[in-house]
């Protein structure tokens, strides 16, 4: 998780929290196995303050929504609720 807030040289303001989530790879075709990280935006930089005290990594319930502009689709993270400290999965 990373908070970013400031102003670019051209005067454009930015304010966000990025969440780097561990996501299962698509193993349905037998050509992939394991996990990878995916990046999601979660509100403003102030959102980071609600989580920075937690031990990382942690498991969480997440509310997400898939949206489209008619050509491309993206997944938007709306809410992150920590539920437990992440543990290593058995191989």
Protein backbone atom coordinates (compact mmCIF):
# COMPACT_ATOMS: atom_id res chain seq x y z
CA UNK A 1 0.00 0.00 0.00
CA UNK A 2 1.34 3.43 -0.92
CA UNK A 3 -0.02 6.94 -0.42
CA UNK A 4 0.80 9.71 -2.92
CA UNK A 5 -0.18 13.35 -2.69
CA UNK A 6 1.28 16.45 -4.26
CA UNK A 7 1.40 18.65 -7.32
CA UNK A 8 3.16 18.00 -10.62
CA UNK A 9 5.40 20.64 -12.21
CA UNK A 10 2.55 21.57 -14.57
CA UNK A 11 0.28 22.33 -11.58
CA UNK A 12 -1.83 19.16 -11.77
CA UNK A 13 -2.67 17.84 -8.30
CA UNK A 14 -2.63 14.14 -7.44
CA UNK A 15 -3.97 12.38 -4.34
CA UNK A 16 -4.34 8.60 -4.11
CA UNK A 17 -3.64 5.39 -2.25
CA UNK A 18 -2.50 2.38 -4.24
CA UNK A 19 -3.09 -1.14 -2.95
CA UNK A 20 -0.85 -3.95 -4.20
CA UNK A 21 -2.94 -7.12 -3.82
CA UNK A 22 -1.81 -10.71 -4.22
CA UNK A 23 -4.10 -12.32 -6.81
CA UNK A 24 -4.25 -15.97 -7.99
CA UNK A 25 -3.06 -16.54 -11.56
CA UNK A 26 -5.55 -18.13 -13.99
CA UNK A 27 -4.66 -21.83 -13.76
CA UNK A 28 -7.68 -22.99 -15.80
CA UNK A 29 -5.61 -23.83 -18.92
CA UNK A 30 -2.80 -25.53 -17.03
CA UNK A 31 -0.23 -22.98 -18.21
CA UNK A 32 -0.02 -20.83 -15.09
CA UNK A 33 0.25 -21.50 -11.39
CA UNK A 34 0.76 -19.34 -8.34
CA UNK A 35 0.07 -15.68 -7.65
CA UNK A 36 1.00 -12.21 -8.81
CA UNK A 37 0.40 -8.69 -7.52
CA UNK A 38 -2.13 -6.35 -9.06
CA UNK A 39 -2.38 -2.62 -8.39
CA UNK A 40 -5.66 -0.95 -7.42
CA UNK A 41 -6.54 2.63 -6.47
CA UNK A 42 -8.31 3.06 -3.14
CA UNK A 43 -9.42 6.64 -2.54
CA UNK A 44 -7.16 9.50 -1.52
CA UNK A 45 -3.80 9.46 0.27
CA UNK A 46 -5.72 9.86 3.56
CA UNK A 47 -7.09 6.32 3.10
CA UNK A 48 -3.58 4.99 3.82
CA UNK A 49 -3.80 6.28 7.42
CA UNK A 50 -6.56 3.77 8.22
CA UNK A 51 -4.22 0.84 7.48
CA UNK A 52 -0.64 1.97 8.18
CA UNK A 53 -0.73 0.70 11.79
CA UNK A 54 -1.47 -2.88 10.69
CA UNK A 55 1.21 -5.55 10.25
CA UNK A 56 1.70 -6.21 6.54
CA UNK A 57 0.82 -8.32 4.66
CA UNK A 58 -2.76 -8.85 5.84
CA UNK A 59 -5.79 -10.67 4.48
CA UNK A 60 -8.87 -8.58 3.72
CA UNK A 61 -12.39 -8.67 2.41
CA UNK A 62 -12.62 -6.37 -0.59
CA UNK A 63 -15.53 -4.69 -2.35
CA UNK A 64 -14.76 -4.27 -6.05
CA UNK A 65 -16.67 -3.28 -9.14
CA UNK A 66 -15.97 -3.97 -12.80
CA UNK A 67 -16.66 -0.98 -15.03
CA UNK A 68 -16.26 -0.23 -18.73
CA UNK A 69 -16.23 2.72 -21.10
CA UNK A 70 -17.52 0.48 -23.89
CA UNK A 71 -14.05 -0.52 -25.11
CA UNK A 72 -11.94 -1.33 -22.09
CA UNK A 73 -12.82 -2.79 -18.72
CA UNK A 74 -11.24 -2.10 -15.35
CA UNK A 75 -11.75 -3.22 -11.78
CA UNK A 76 -12.27 -0.53 -9.15
CA UNK A 77 -11.60 -1.19 -5.46
CA UNK A 78 -14.19 0.53 -3.24
CA UNK A 79 -13.58 -0.89 0.22
CA UNK A 80 -10.90 -2.88 2.02
CA UNK A 81 -11.70 -4.57 5.35
CA UNK A 82 -8.78 -6.35 7.09
CA UNK A 83 -9.74 -9.74 8.53
CA UNK A 84 -6.45 -11.45 9.52
CA UNK A 85 -2.68 -11.42 9.33
CA UNK A 86 -1.59 -13.16 6.11
CA UNK A 87 0.10 -16.53 6.53
CA UNK A 88 2.15 -18.59 4.13
CA UNK A 89 0.02 -21.15 2.27
CA UNK A 90 1.11 -24.78 2.28
CA UNK A 91 2.79 -25.84 -0.95
